[in-house]
Amino acid sequence: MGGRLRILGALMAIALVGVACGGSNGGSSNQSPASTVKEGGTLRVGTSSTIDSLNPFVAFQANAILVFQYEYPWLTQYDAHNNLAPLFATSWSTSSDGLTVTYHLTPNAKWSDGQPLNADDVAWTYNMIIKYQKGPTSYYSTYVTNLKSAAATDPNTVVFTYTTPSANAYSQLQAVPILPEQVWGKYATGDGKGIKTFANEPTSSPVVSGGPFELVKYQKDEIALMERNPTFWGPKPHIDGVGIQIYSDDDAMITALKNGELDAVESVPTTSVKAVKDAGFALNTTPGLFFYDFIINSNPAKTNNRELLDPKVKEAFEYAIDRQQIINVVLGGYGAPGSTIVPPSEGKWHDSSIKPLPFDIAKANALLDSLGYTKGSNGIRVANGHPMSYSIIIPTSRQAPLSRTFQIMQPDFQQIGVKLSLKVLDPNAAFAAITAPNNEYKNFDLAMWDWYSGVDPADILSVLTKDQWGTNSDTGFDDPQYDSLYTQQQSAIDPTKRQQIVYQMQQIQFNERPYIILNYPDIIDAYNGKAWAGFYNEDGYGIFTNTGIQSFTQVHQI
C-alpha cells in the first residue's frame, strides 16, 4: 500500500551519483565477470509505492520493510527459491520436543554507533515484542505465537522457548528485525506507547544500523537515501548507497528512467512495459506473491448497509467482476485470475481446487432478485430501505491500477443494480477510514488494495484474524472458526495436517468473502543492463525483495 509525491528536481543532485542504467533479464543472480565489476556509485531506484513510516511497529508499506531489511540485522533470509539461508545467524536447530529453537550468531558484530551487536540484542528485541504484543508491538504478534521467551546463553547464542511446538518457528523468527536496545530501550517502558510514536528517522546523524546500509536522509513521499554501513559484519556491498525515489506519477517515473535519472524501477506499470523494453532496458518478470483484492466490510457489528454482510450479496458481487478483462486491460496480460488469499507462488500451500466464480451478470442479478432487492426507476436496487450505492476506498499508492480496475467494474455493477463511487485517499487516511471509529470497522463499505504475502502462509492468513484488528486487518473480519484454525495450523508439526488446515482457511475466506481476490499480478522490474549487473531475483518478489540482502549487496556497476 502507499501514497506518494513526485520527487523534486533538486533532490536529484544529492549524493545520487550512480551512472545510468544496468542488469540482466532475470535469473536468481546476474553476475558479470569479476573483471567488469566497478566498485562504488549509488543505485537510484524509482518506485510508485511510498514509505509510510520508518518505525517497524507502525509501517506496513513494502518499501518501508525494504529499508528495514538493509538497515537492521535479521536472523536469516530467503534465497532465490524461498529457502531459509544464513544471515546474522550462521546455524539453527530445534530440540527433539519442538519447544526450544537455538540460533548461533555471527561473532564480533557491531552496530553503526560502535556498540556490540550480539545475542543480547536478539533476546531483548523478541522479549520486548512478547511483552507488548497486545499493545504497541501487535504488528509482530503473529511472529511470536506460542513463544514464551528468548535468552542469550552467551554473546553468540540465543535460545527461544515455546509453550507448544511451532510448525513455522523458523519463518516466524525470520520475519522480525533485530533492534538496538540502546536506541529503543527508553521507549519500551511502562505501557510502551513510545514504541509506536518514535519516528526513527535520521536527523543530524544516520539511524543506528546493524545491516549493510544506514539510512542517512529521508523526506516523506519523496526519497530515502541509504549509504554503506562501514561497521557491517556481513558481505560488503559493491555500491556506496541506494536512493529510493518515490513518484506520484508513473509516467514521470518511466520518463526519469529513460532520461538516465534513474537506474532501475521497481514494479513497472504494465502499460509501460513495451516502452521500457523498446528503450533497451532489461526486464525481470516473475509470478508474484502478490494480489489485488476487493475488500468487503465483514464486521458483524457493521453500522450501515448491513446487506453487505449477506453471503449471497457477496457472491453476486463476485459474479459481476470480469477478472479476465481486468487482467487484459489493467495488467496488460501479466497476471492470473485470483481465487484464494494464498497466492499460487506459495506452492503447496495454495489450494488450486478453489476456482474463482465466472463473470456472469445474469447470475449476479438472479441472486440479488432472490433477496427481494428490486431495482428503482434509476436502475439501482433498494436494500433494507436504501439504495445499493457504495463508496470504494482505494489508496493513492495503487491509484493507477485500481482506478482502472474500478472503471471496468463500475458499469458491470450498474448492470446488476449497484452504484459504485470512488474515494481516493493516501494510505494512512485510507487505513484510518477502513478501521474507523477507533479500530471498530463500523463505517466503511468497500475498498480495493493489495497484499504482498510472506513465504509462509501464516503471514497472509493472519490478516483475517480478529487479533489483527487495528494492525493488519483491513476487513473487520471476525470468524472464531477461522481464528481457531489459525492457531491450529501454527502448532501442526505434520506438514500434511498443516496443509489441510491452511486449505480449510482458504475455503472459509472464499465462501465468506471478506476479500474477493481479483488477480495475482506478475512482478515486473526494470533496470539498465548496460551499466548495472548482479541483481538477485527471488521467486515471488523479483529483484527488489524485502526478505534478504542479496540484491543490494551483490549489485554493481559494470
Protein backbone atom coordinates (compact mmCIF):
# COMPACT_ATOMS: atom_id res chain seq x y z
CA MET A 1 0.00 0.00 0.00
CA GLY A 2 1.31 3.57 -0.40
CA GLY A 3 0.80 7.27 -1.08
CA ARG A 4 3.45 9.23 -2.93
CA LEU A 5 4.59 12.61 -4.26
CA ARG A 6 6.86 13.22 -7.18
CA ILE A 7 10.45 13.84 -6.16
CA LEU A 8 11.65 17.40 -6.71
CA GLY A 9 14.33 18.03 -9.29
CA ALA A 10 16.71 19.47 -6.70
CA LEU A 11 16.80 16.14 -4.90
CA MET A 12 18.28 14.50 -7.95
CA ALA A 13 21.57 16.17 -7.09
CA ILE A 14 22.00 14.87 -3.57
CA ALA A 15 24.63 12.18 -3.46
CA LEU A 16 22.85 10.13 -6.13
CA VAL A 17 25.99 9.72 -8.13
CA GLY A 18 25.39 6.38 -9.84
CA VAL A 19 25.61 6.35 -13.61
CA ALA A 20 22.74 5.49 -15.97
CA CYS A 21 21.17 2.02 -16.10
CA GLY A 22 22.08 -1.77 -15.90
CA GLY A 23 21.37 -5.53 -15.45
CA SER A 24 20.05 -8.83 -16.78
CA ASN A 25 16.87 -10.43 -17.98
CA GLY A 26 16.23 -12.38 -14.82
CA GLY A 27 17.51 -15.43 -13.01
CA SER A 28 18.46 -15.77 -9.37
CA SER A 29 21.55 -13.62 -9.77
CA ASN A 30 23.04 -11.99 -12.82
CA GLN A 31 26.72 -11.67 -12.00
CA SER A 32 29.12 -10.32 -14.57
CA PRO A 33 32.76 -11.47 -14.72
CA ALA A 34 34.83 -10.17 -11.82
CA SER A 35 36.93 -8.06 -14.19
CA THR A 36 33.89 -5.96 -15.10
CA VAL A 37 32.80 -5.18 -11.52
CA LYS A 38 33.08 -1.47 -10.86
CA GLU A 39 33.01 -0.61 -7.18
CA GLY A 40 31.09 2.38 -5.83
CA GLY A 41 28.21 4.50 -7.08
CA THR A 42 24.67 4.92 -5.81
CA LEU A 43 21.87 2.86 -7.29
CA ARG A 44 18.88 5.11 -8.00
CA VAL A 45 15.60 3.21 -7.75
CA GLY A 46 12.23 4.66 -8.75
CA THR A 47 9.01 3.45 -7.15
CA SER A 48 5.37 4.45 -7.05
CA SER A 49 4.81 2.98 -3.59
CA THR A 50 5.72 5.15 -0.64
CA ILE A 51 7.28 4.58 2.78
CA ASP A 52 4.52 5.19 5.29
CA SER A 53 6.71 5.13 8.41
CA LEU A 54 10.25 4.28 9.47
CA ASN A 55 9.01 2.79 12.72
CA PRO A 56 8.85 -1.01 12.28
CA PHE A 57 5.86 -1.22 14.65
CA VAL A 58 3.83 1.19 12.53
CA ALA A 59 4.93 0.68 8.92
CA PHE A 60 3.01 -1.60 6.57
CA GLN A 61 4.28 -0.46 3.17
CA ALA A 62 6.56 -2.90 1.33
CA ASN A 63 9.17 -0.20 0.73
CA ALA A 64 9.38 0.56 4.44
CA ILE A 65 10.15 -3.13 5.01
CA LEU A 66 12.74 -2.88 2.22
CA VAL A 67 14.55 -0.15 4.17
CA PHE A 68 14.38 -2.19 7.39
CA GLN A 69 15.81 -5.22 5.57
CA TYR A 70 19.03 -3.34 4.83
CA GLU A 71 19.08 -1.20 7.97
CA TYR A 72 18.71 -3.88 10.64
CA PRO A 73 20.13 -7.35 11.21
CA TRP A 74 17.79 -10.31 10.71
CA LEU A 75 18.44 -13.83 11.93
CA THR A 76 18.01 -15.38 8.49
CA GLN A 77 16.97 -14.50 4.96
CA TYR A 78 15.43 -16.27 1.99
CA ASP A 79 17.37 -17.39 -1.05
CA ALA A 80 16.25 -17.14 -4.67
CA HIS A 81 13.85 -20.08 -4.27
CA ASN A 82 12.47 -19.10 -0.86
CA ASN A 83 14.59 -21.43 1.22
CA LEU A 84 15.96 -20.11 4.50
CA ALA A 85 19.60 -19.08 4.36
CA PRO A 86 22.02 -17.71 6.96
CA LEU A 87 22.30 -14.01 7.70
CA PHE A 88 23.15 -12.79 11.23
CA ALA A 89 22.58 -16.40 12.33
CA THR A 90 25.08 -18.89 10.97
CA SER A 91 23.14 -22.02 12.01
CA TRP A 92 19.99 -23.04 13.88
CA SER A 93 18.34 -26.14 15.31
CA THR A 94 15.23 -27.35 17.13
CA SER A 95 15.09 -29.63 20.16
CA SER A 96 13.51 -33.07 19.82
CA ASP A 97 10.37 -31.95 21.71
CA GLY A 98 9.97 -28.90 19.44
CA LEU A 99 9.91 -26.48 22.38
CA THR A 100 13.39 -24.98 22.03
CA VAL A 101 14.93 -23.32 19.00
CA THR A 102 18.60 -22.31 19.12
CA TYR A 103 20.46 -19.89 16.84
CA HIS A 104 24.21 -19.43 16.63
CA LEU A 105 25.20 -15.92 15.58
CA THR A 106 27.99 -14.13 13.75
CA PRO A 107 30.63 -13.20 16.34
CA ASN A 108 32.23 -9.77 16.92
CA ALA A 109 29.48 -7.79 15.19
CA LYS A 110 28.84 -4.10 15.93
CA TRP A 111 26.10 -1.55 15.46
CA SER A 112 26.97 1.51 13.40
CA ASP A 113 27.36 3.52 16.63
CA GLY A 114 30.14 1.17 17.74
CA GLN A 115 28.08 -0.71 20.34
CA PRO A 116 28.34 -4.54 20.38
CA LEU A 117 25.70 -6.36 18.36
CA ASN A 118 25.11 -9.82 19.78
CA ALA A 119 22.64 -12.29 21.29
CA ASP A 120 21.60 -9.78 23.96
CA ASP A 121 20.08 -7.55 21.24
CA VAL A 122 18.24 -10.51 19.71
CA ALA A 123 16.81 -11.66 23.06
CA TRP A 124 15.86 -8.11 24.06
CA THR A 125 14.02 -7.48 20.75
CA TYR A 126 11.90 -10.63 20.96
CA ASN A 127 11.17 -10.29 24.68
CA MET A 128 10.07 -6.70 24.12
CA ILE A 129 7.71 -7.81 21.36
CA ILE A 130 6.33 -10.61 23.56
CA LYS A 131 5.78 -8.19 26.46
CA TYR A 132 3.83 -5.64 24.41
CA GLN A 133 2.21 -7.93 21.82
CA LYS A 134 -1.31 -6.97 22.92
CA GLY A 135 -0.44 -3.31 22.51
CA PRO A 136 2.28 -1.35 20.69
CA THR A 137 4.08 -4.37 19.20
CA SER A 138 0.89 -6.05 17.97
CA TYR A 139 2.09 -5.72 14.38
CA TYR A 140 4.53 -8.56 15.14
CA SER A 141 2.25 -10.55 17.42
CA THR A 142 1.73 -13.34 14.89
CA TYR A 143 5.50 -13.88 14.77
CA VAL A 144 5.70 -14.63 18.50
CA THR A 145 2.73 -17.00 18.65
CA ASN A 146 3.42 -19.61 21.36
CA LEU A 147 6.83 -18.01 22.02
CA LYS A 148 7.45 -17.84 25.78
CA SER A 149 10.86 -16.18 25.93
CA ALA A 150 14.23 -15.56 24.31
CA ALA A 151 17.51 -15.88 26.20
CA ALA A 152 21.12 -15.08 25.33
CA THR A 153 23.09 -18.02 26.71
CA ASP A 154 26.34 -16.43 25.50
CA PRO A 155 27.16 -13.49 23.21
CA ASN A 156 26.79 -15.65 20.09
CA THR A 157 23.87 -17.93 21.06
CA VAL A 158 20.20 -17.18 21.56
CA VAL A 159 17.62 -19.74 22.67
CA PHE A 160 13.88 -19.39 22.04
CA THR A 161 11.49 -21.29 24.29
CA TYR A 162 7.95 -22.13 23.14
CA THR A 163 4.90 -23.15 25.18
CA THR A 164 3.90 -25.56 22.43
CA PRO A 165 5.75 -26.70 19.29
CA SER A 166 5.50 -24.23 16.41
CA ALA A 167 5.11 -25.55 12.88
CA ASN A 168 6.69 -22.46 11.35
CA ALA A 169 9.05 -21.20 14.05
CA TYR A 170 11.90 -20.59 11.60
CA SER A 171 9.80 -18.48 9.23
CA GLN A 172 8.26 -16.59 12.18
CA LEU A 173 11.63 -15.76 13.66
CA GLN A 174 12.93 -14.75 10.23
CA ALA A 175 10.30 -12.00 9.96
CA VAL A 176 11.47 -9.78 12.83
CA PRO A 177 14.22 -7.13 12.58
CA ILE A 178 16.72 -7.03 15.44
CA LEU A 179 16.66 -3.58 17.06
CA PRO A 180 19.36 -1.77 19.04
CA GLU A 181 18.38 -1.70 22.72
CA GLN A 182 20.47 1.43 23.24
CA VAL A 183 18.04 3.28 20.94
CA TRP A 184 14.71 1.59 21.66
CA GLY A 185 15.09 0.67 25.32
CA LYS A 186 13.88 4.03 26.63
CA TYR A 187 10.59 3.60 24.75
CA ALA A 188 9.96 0.03 25.94
CA THR A 189 8.97 1.04 29.45
CA GLY A 190 5.66 1.38 31.26
CA ASP A 191 2.79 0.92 28.82
CA GLY A 192 5.25 1.01 25.92
CA LYS A 193 3.28 3.59 23.95
CA GLY A 194 6.52 5.32 22.97
CA ILE A 195 7.39 2.26 20.88
CA LYS A 196 4.83 3.33 18.28
CA THR A 197 5.30 7.09 18.49
CA PHE A 198 9.09 7.07 17.95
CA ALA A 199 9.70 8.44 14.42
CA ASN A 200 13.01 6.56 13.96
CA GLU A 201 14.12 8.97 11.24
CA PRO A 202 17.61 10.32 10.54
CA THR A 203 18.23 13.80 11.93
CA SER A 204 21.76 15.12 12.46
CA SER A 205 23.09 11.58 12.20
CA PRO A 206 22.01 8.37 10.44
CA VAL A 207 19.65 5.89 12.08
CA VAL A 208 21.68 3.37 14.10
CA SER A 209 22.16 0.41 11.77
CA GLY A 210 23.23 -3.20 12.06
CA GLY A 211 22.68 -4.00 8.39
CA PRO A 212 24.68 -3.37 5.20
CA PHE A 213 23.37 0.20 4.81
CA GLU A 214 22.42 3.05 7.13
CA LEU A 215 19.60 5.50 6.44
CA VAL A 216 21.09 8.98 6.12
CA LYS A 217 18.28 11.01 4.54
CA TYR A 218 14.51 10.71 4.41
CA GLN A 219 11.81 13.00 3.06
CA LYS A 220 8.34 11.53 3.28
CA ASP A 221 6.76 10.66 -0.06
CA GLU A 222 9.95 11.78 -1.82
CA ILE A 223 13.19 9.97 -1.01
CA ALA A 224 15.02 7.56 1.27
CA LEU A 225 18.80 7.55 0.89
CA MET A 226 20.89 4.74 2.35
CA GLU A 227 24.70 4.69 2.45
CA ARG A 228 27.03 1.76 3.06
CA ASN A 229 27.45 0.94 6.75
CA PRO A 230 31.23 0.80 7.41
CA THR A 231 30.76 -1.40 10.50
CA PHE A 232 28.65 -4.07 8.77
CA TRP A 233 29.66 -7.58 9.83
CA GLY A 234 28.46 -9.32 6.65
CA PRO A 235 29.32 -9.22 2.92
CA LYS A 236 30.36 -5.70 1.93
CA PRO A 237 28.17 -4.14 -0.78
CA HIS A 238 29.85 -3.14 -4.02
CA ILE A 239 27.84 0.08 -4.16
CA ASP A 240 28.19 3.15 -1.94
CA GLY A 241 24.45 3.50 -1.45
CA VAL A 242 20.86 3.24 -2.63
CA GLY A 243 18.45 6.09 -3.30
CA ILE A 244 14.75 5.16 -3.29
CA GLN A 245 12.85 7.88 -5.12
CA ILE A 246 9.08 7.97 -4.78
CA TYR A 247 6.86 9.15 -7.63
CA SER A 248 3.21 10.11 -7.63
CA ASP A 249 3.03 9.73 -11.40
CA ASP A 250 4.01 6.50 -13.16
CA ASP A 251 4.65 8.27 -16.46
CA ALA A 252 7.07 10.68 -14.78
CA MET A 253 8.89 7.76 -13.21
CA ILE A 254 9.30 5.95 -16.54
CA THR A 255 10.43 9.19 -18.19
CA ALA A 256 13.06 9.60 -15.47
CA LEU A 257 14.29 6.07 -16.20
CA LYS A 258 14.55 6.76 -19.91
CA ASN A 259 16.35 10.06 -19.27
CA GLY A 260 19.02 8.40 -17.12
CA GLU A 261 17.78 9.99 -13.89
CA LEU A 262 17.06 6.52 -12.50
CA ASP A 263 18.97 3.26 -12.78
CA ALA A 264 16.05 0.95 -12.05
CA VAL A 265 12.30 0.92 -11.48
CA GLU A 266 10.51 -1.29 -9.00
CA SER A 267 7.18 -2.69 -10.28
CA VAL A 268 6.98 -1.29 -13.80
CA PRO A 269 3.37 -0.37 -14.70
CA THR A 270 2.17 -2.91 -17.24
CA THR A 271 1.11 -0.06 -19.52
CA SER A 272 4.78 0.94 -19.72
CA VAL A 273 6.36 -2.48 -20.23
CA LYS A 274 6.62 -2.24 -24.03
CA ALA A 275 8.05 1.28 -23.93
CA VAL A 276 10.65 0.29 -21.33
CA LYS A 277 11.62 -2.81 -23.28
CA ASP A 278 11.80 -0.90 -26.58
CA ALA A 279 14.09 1.64 -24.91
CA GLY A 280 16.60 -1.14 -24.26
CA PHE A 281 16.15 -1.64 -20.53
CA ALA A 282 16.35 -5.10 -19.01
CA LEU A 283 13.12 -6.54 -17.60
CA ASN A 284 12.86 -9.04 -14.76
CA THR A 285 9.47 -10.76 -14.57
CA THR A 286 8.28 -13.30 -12.01
CA PRO A 287 4.85 -14.52 -10.81
CA GLY A 288 4.28 -12.54 -7.65
CA LEU A 289 3.49 -13.41 -4.05
CA PHE A 290 1.06 -10.59 -4.50
CA PHE A 291 -2.61 -9.94 -5.15
CA TYR A 292 -5.15 -7.18 -5.66
CA ASP A 293 -8.32 -7.59 -3.67
CA PHE A 294 -11.86 -6.26 -3.50
CA ILE A 295 -12.50 -5.72 0.22
CA ILE A 296 -15.97 -6.02 1.76
CA ASN A 297 -16.52 -4.83 5.31
CA SER A 298 -17.22 -8.08 7.14
CA ASN A 299 -17.59 -6.83 10.69
CA PRO A 300 -20.78 -8.42 12.11
CA ALA A 301 -21.34 -5.20 14.06
CA LYS A 302 -21.16 -3.01 10.95
CA THR A 303 -23.40 0.06 11.38
CA ASN A 304 -24.85 0.79 7.92
CA ASN A 305 -25.56 -1.10 4.69
CA ARG A 306 -25.68 -4.40 6.53
CA GLU A 307 -26.83 -6.20 3.38
CA LEU A 308 -23.11 -6.35 2.55
CA LEU A 309 -22.77 -8.97 5.28
CA ASP A 310 -25.04 -11.34 3.35
CA PRO A 311 -23.04 -14.15 1.66
CA LYS A 312 -25.41 -14.06 -1.32
CA VAL A 313 -24.74 -10.35 -1.89
CA LYS A 314 -21.01 -11.00 -1.78
CA GLU A 315 -21.41 -13.92 -4.17
CA ALA A 316 -23.38 -11.72 -6.57
CA PHE A 317 -20.60 -9.15 -6.45
CA GLU A 318 -18.05 -11.76 -7.46
CA TYR A 319 -20.17 -12.86 -10.43
CA ALA A 320 -20.22 -9.20 -11.54
CA ILE A 321 -16.42 -8.90 -11.68
CA ASP A 322 -14.81 -9.52 -15.07
CA ARG A 323 -11.41 -10.69 -13.88
CA GLN A 324 -10.09 -11.50 -17.33
CA GLN A 325 -10.84 -8.04 -18.67
CA ILE A 326 -9.08 -6.52 -15.66
CA ILE A 327 -6.03 -8.69 -16.34
CA ASN A 328 -6.04 -7.83 -20.04
CA VAL A 329 -6.59 -4.09 -19.66
CA VAL A 330 -5.05 -3.19 -16.29
CA LEU A 331 -2.25 -5.77 -16.09
CA GLY A 332 -1.55 -5.96 -19.81
CA GLY A 333 -1.91 -9.74 -19.55
CA TYR A 334 0.80 -10.01 -16.86
CA GLY A 335 -1.12 -11.90 -14.21
CA ALA A 336 -3.61 -14.64 -13.39
CA PRO A 337 -7.19 -14.64 -12.03
CA GLY A 338 -7.39 -14.59 -8.23
CA SER A 339 -9.14 -17.14 -6.07
CA THR A 340 -7.72 -17.52 -2.56
CA ILE A 341 -5.76 -15.39 -0.12
CA VAL A 342 -2.71 -17.68 -0.53
CA PRO A 343 -1.13 -16.97 -3.94
CA PRO A 344 -0.14 -19.86 -6.25
CA SER A 345 3.50 -18.78 -5.91
CA GLU A 346 3.41 -20.20 -2.38
CA GLY A 347 3.38 -23.64 -3.96
CA LYS A 348 1.86 -26.45 -1.91
CA TRP A 349 0.07 -24.02 0.42
CA HIS A 350 -2.20 -22.68 -2.33
CA ASP A 351 -5.42 -24.68 -2.72
CA SER A 352 -5.72 -24.93 -6.50
CA SER A 353 -9.08 -26.73 -6.23
CA ILE A 354 -10.72 -23.42 -5.28
CA LYS A 355 -11.70 -21.67 -8.51
CA PRO A 356 -12.89 -18.08 -8.95
CA LEU A 357 -16.52 -17.65 -9.96
CA PRO A 358 -17.00 -16.86 -13.66
CA PHE A 359 -18.12 -13.45 -14.86
CA ASP A 360 -21.90 -13.84 -15.12
CA ILE A 361 -24.14 -10.78 -14.90
CA ALA A 362 -27.29 -12.91 -15.20
CA LYS A 363 -26.38 -15.00 -12.14
CA ALA A 364 -25.49 -11.88 -10.18
CA ASN A 365 -28.87 -10.35 -10.97
CA ALA A 366 -30.68 -13.58 -10.12
CA LEU A 367 -29.03 -13.74 -6.70
CA LEU A 368 -29.97 -10.16 -5.86
CA ASP A 369 -33.50 -10.72 -7.20
CA SER A 370 -33.86 -13.71 -4.88
CA LEU A 371 -33.15 -11.43 -1.92
CA GLY A 372 -36.01 -9.12 -2.89
CA TYR A 373 -33.78 -6.15 -3.66
CA THR A 374 -35.77 -4.61 -6.51
CA LYS A 375 -34.47 -2.00 -8.93
CA GLY A 376 -35.82 1.54 -8.74
CA SER A 377 -36.61 3.80 -11.69
CA ASN A 378 -32.92 4.76 -11.88
CA GLY A 379 -31.88 1.12 -12.15
CA ILE A 380 -30.36 0.99 -8.66
CA ARG A 381 -31.66 -1.65 -6.27
CA VAL A 382 -33.11 -0.87 -2.89
CA ALA A 383 -31.97 -2.97 0.08
CA ASN A 384 -33.44 -2.52 3.55
CA GLY A 385 -34.98 0.80 2.55
CA HIS A 386 -31.89 2.41 1.00
CA PRO A 387 -30.22 2.36 -2.43
CA MET A 388 -27.43 -0.13 -3.02
CA SER A 389 -24.97 2.68 -3.52
CA TYR A 390 -21.46 2.32 -2.08
CA SER A 391 -18.14 4.11 -1.98
CA ILE A 392 -14.94 2.16 -2.73
CA ILE A 393 -11.83 3.34 -0.90
CA ILE A 394 -8.52 2.99 -2.76
CA PRO A 395 -5.04 4.23 -1.74
CA THR A 396 -3.06 6.71 -3.79
CA SER A 397 -0.18 4.23 -3.75
CA ARG A 398 -2.14 1.97 -6.09
CA GLN A 399 -4.31 4.62 -7.71
CA ALA A 400 -3.29 3.90 -11.30
CA PRO A 401 -4.15 0.16 -11.46
CA LEU A 402 -7.07 0.32 -9.05
CA SER A 403 -8.77 3.30 -10.66
CA ARG A 404 -8.60 1.47 -14.00
CA THR A 405 -9.96 -1.63 -12.27
CA PHE A 406 -12.80 0.48 -10.90
CA GLN A 407 -13.58 1.83 -14.38
CA ILE A 408 -14.06 -1.74 -15.59
CA MET A 409 -16.15 -2.80 -12.61
CA GLN A 410 -18.42 0.23 -12.30
CA PRO A 411 -20.58 -0.31 -15.44
CA ASP A 412 -20.87 -4.05 -14.73
CA PHE A 413 -22.11 -3.35 -11.21
CA GLN A 414 -24.52 -0.80 -12.69
CA GLN A 415 -25.97 -3.69 -14.71
CA ILE A 416 -26.78 -5.57 -11.51
CA GLY A 417 -28.34 -2.50 -9.90
CA VAL A 418 -25.41 -1.48 -7.70
CA LYS A 419 -23.91 2.00 -7.87
CA LEU A 420 -20.20 2.35 -7.08
CA SER A 421 -18.27 5.57 -6.50
CA LEU A 422 -14.56 6.03 -5.93
CA LYS A 423 -12.86 7.54 -2.87
CA VAL A 424 -9.10 8.02 -3.24
CA LEU A 425 -7.11 8.60 -0.05
CA ASP A 426 -3.46 8.45 0.91
CA PRO A 427 -2.59 5.09 2.53
CA ASN A 428 -2.71 6.28 6.12
CA ALA A 429 -6.04 8.05 5.60
CA ALA A 430 -7.39 5.04 3.70
CA PHE A 431 -6.49 2.67 6.53
CA ALA A 432 -7.94 5.10 9.08
CA ALA A 433 -11.20 5.24 7.13
CA ILE A 434 -11.35 1.44 6.96
CA THR A 435 -10.72 0.94 10.68
CA ALA A 436 -12.90 3.83 11.92
CA PRO A 437 -14.06 4.52 14.50
CA ASN A 438 -11.32 3.54 16.96
CA ASN A 439 -10.42 0.31 15.13
CA GLU A 440 -14.03 -0.89 15.23
CA TYR A 441 -14.54 -1.21 11.42
CA LYS A 442 -18.11 0.07 11.54
CA ASN A 443 -18.23 2.76 8.88
CA PHE A 444 -16.67 1.72 5.58
CA ASP A 445 -18.39 -0.43 2.99
CA LEU A 446 -15.94 -1.40 0.25
CA ALA A 447 -12.28 -0.92 -0.63
CA MET A 448 -9.62 -2.19 -3.01
CA TRP A 449 -5.97 -2.62 -2.13
CA ASP A 450 -3.17 -5.15 -2.44
CA TRP A 451 -1.15 -7.55 -0.30
CA TYR A 452 2.32 -8.99 -0.60
CA SER A 453 2.25 -12.41 1.01
CA GLY A 454 5.07 -13.90 3.02
CA VAL A 455 6.79 -17.11 2.00
CA ASP A 456 4.99 -18.98 4.80
CA PRO A 457 1.15 -18.88 4.53
CA ALA A 458 0.70 -17.92 8.20
CA ASP A 459 1.81 -14.41 7.30
CA ILE A 460 -1.03 -13.61 4.89
CA LEU A 461 -3.61 -15.79 6.68
CA SER A 462 -3.10 -13.75 9.84
CA VAL A 463 -4.58 -10.57 8.35
CA LEU A 464 -8.09 -12.05 8.60
CA THR A 465 -7.79 -12.90 12.30
CA LYS A 466 -9.50 -10.83 15.00
CA ASP A 467 -6.10 -10.34 16.65
CA GLN A 468 -5.09 -8.14 13.73
CA TRP A 469 -7.88 -5.59 14.17
CA GLY A 470 -6.29 -2.17 14.20
CA THR A 471 -3.00 -3.54 12.93
CA ASN A 472 -3.17 -5.52 9.69
CA SER A 473 -6.87 -6.25 9.32
CA ASP A 474 -8.49 -4.21 6.55
CA THR A 475 -11.81 -6.08 6.55
CA GLY A 476 -13.15 -6.21 10.11
CA PHE A 477 -13.49 -9.96 9.54
CA ASP A 478 -14.44 -11.77 12.75
CA ASP A 479 -14.82 -15.54 12.49
CA PRO A 480 -14.00 -17.65 15.59
CA GLN A 481 -13.65 -20.80 13.48
CA TYR A 482 -11.09 -19.12 11.23
CA ASP A 483 -9.18 -17.83 14.25
CA SER A 484 -9.19 -21.30 15.82
CA LEU A 485 -7.85 -22.84 12.63
CA TYR A 486 -5.12 -20.21 12.51
CA THR A 487 -3.97 -21.27 15.97
CA GLN A 488 -4.15 -24.94 14.96
CA GLN A 489 -2.01 -24.51 11.85
CA GLN A 490 0.64 -22.74 13.90
CA SER A 491 1.07 -25.87 16.00
CA ALA A 492 0.56 -28.51 13.31
CA ILE A 493 4.05 -30.00 13.07
CA ASP A 494 2.92 -32.58 10.49
CA PRO A 495 3.16 -30.71 7.13
CA THR A 496 0.26 -32.68 5.62
CA LYS A 497 -2.03 -31.84 8.53
CA ARG A 498 -0.98 -28.21 8.43
CA GLN A 499 -1.66 -28.06 4.70
CA GLN A 500 -5.18 -29.38 5.27
CA ILE A 501 -5.85 -26.67 7.86
CA VAL A 502 -4.43 -23.96 5.58
CA TYR A 503 -6.75 -25.24 2.82
CA GLN A 504 -9.72 -25.03 5.21
CA MET A 505 -8.88 -21.43 5.98
CA GLN A 506 -8.72 -20.57 2.28
CA GLN A 507 -12.12 -22.17 1.78
CA ILE A 508 -13.59 -20.04 4.59
CA GLN A 509 -12.14 -16.91 3.02
CA PHE A 510 -13.55 -17.88 -0.36
CA ASN A 511 -17.00 -18.72 1.00
CA GLU A 512 -17.38 -15.73 3.32
CA ARG A 513 -15.60 -13.25 1.01
CA PRO A 514 -14.12 -10.60 3.27
CA TYR A 515 -11.84 -10.44 0.22
CA ILE A 516 -12.72 -11.20 -3.36
CA ILE A 517 -9.25 -11.86 -4.76
CA LEU A 518 -9.13 -10.08 -8.11
CA ASN A 519 -5.83 -11.26 -9.56
CA TYR A 520 -2.25 -12.32 -8.95
CA PRO A 521 -0.07 -9.84 -10.89
CA ASP A 522 3.39 -10.63 -12.11
CA ILE A 523 6.23 -8.62 -10.58
CA ILE A 524 7.96 -6.66 -13.34
CA ASP A 525 11.14 -4.74 -12.55
CA ALA A 526 13.37 -2.84 -14.96
CA TYR A 527 16.96 -1.67 -14.91
CA ASN A 528 19.72 -0.57 -17.27
CA GLY A 529 21.72 -3.67 -18.13
CA LYS A 530 24.40 -1.61 -19.82
CA ALA A 531 25.63 -0.10 -16.57
CA TRP A 532 24.46 -2.40 -13.76
CA ALA A 533 24.58 -6.12 -13.03
CA GLY A 534 24.33 -8.52 -10.11
CA PHE A 535 20.66 -8.12 -9.22
CA TYR A 536 19.29 -11.07 -7.26
CA ASN A 537 15.85 -12.32 -8.27
CA GLU A 538 13.74 -14.07 -5.61
CA ASP A 539 10.76 -16.19 -6.61
CA GLY A 540 7.59 -14.22 -5.98
CA TYR A 541 9.35 -10.97 -5.14
CA GLY A 542 11.59 -10.01 -8.04
CA ILE A 543 14.85 -8.11 -7.69
CA PHE A 544 13.67 -5.69 -5.02
CA THR A 545 12.92 -8.35 -2.44
CA ASN A 546 12.49 -7.32 1.18
CA THR A 547 13.24 -10.80 2.56
CA GLY A 548 17.02 -10.77 2.07
CA ILE A 549 20.01 -8.52 1.44
CA GLN A 550 21.41 -10.20 -1.65
CA SER A 551 20.24 -7.71 -4.30
CA PHE A 552 21.77 -4.53 -2.87
CA THR A 553 24.91 -6.25 -1.59
CA GLN A 554 25.59 -8.04 -4.90
CA VAL A 555 24.52 -5.37 -7.43
CA HIS A 556 27.35 -3.41 -9.01
CA GLN A 557 28.26 -1.13 -11.86
CA ILE A 558 29.95 -2.58 -14.93
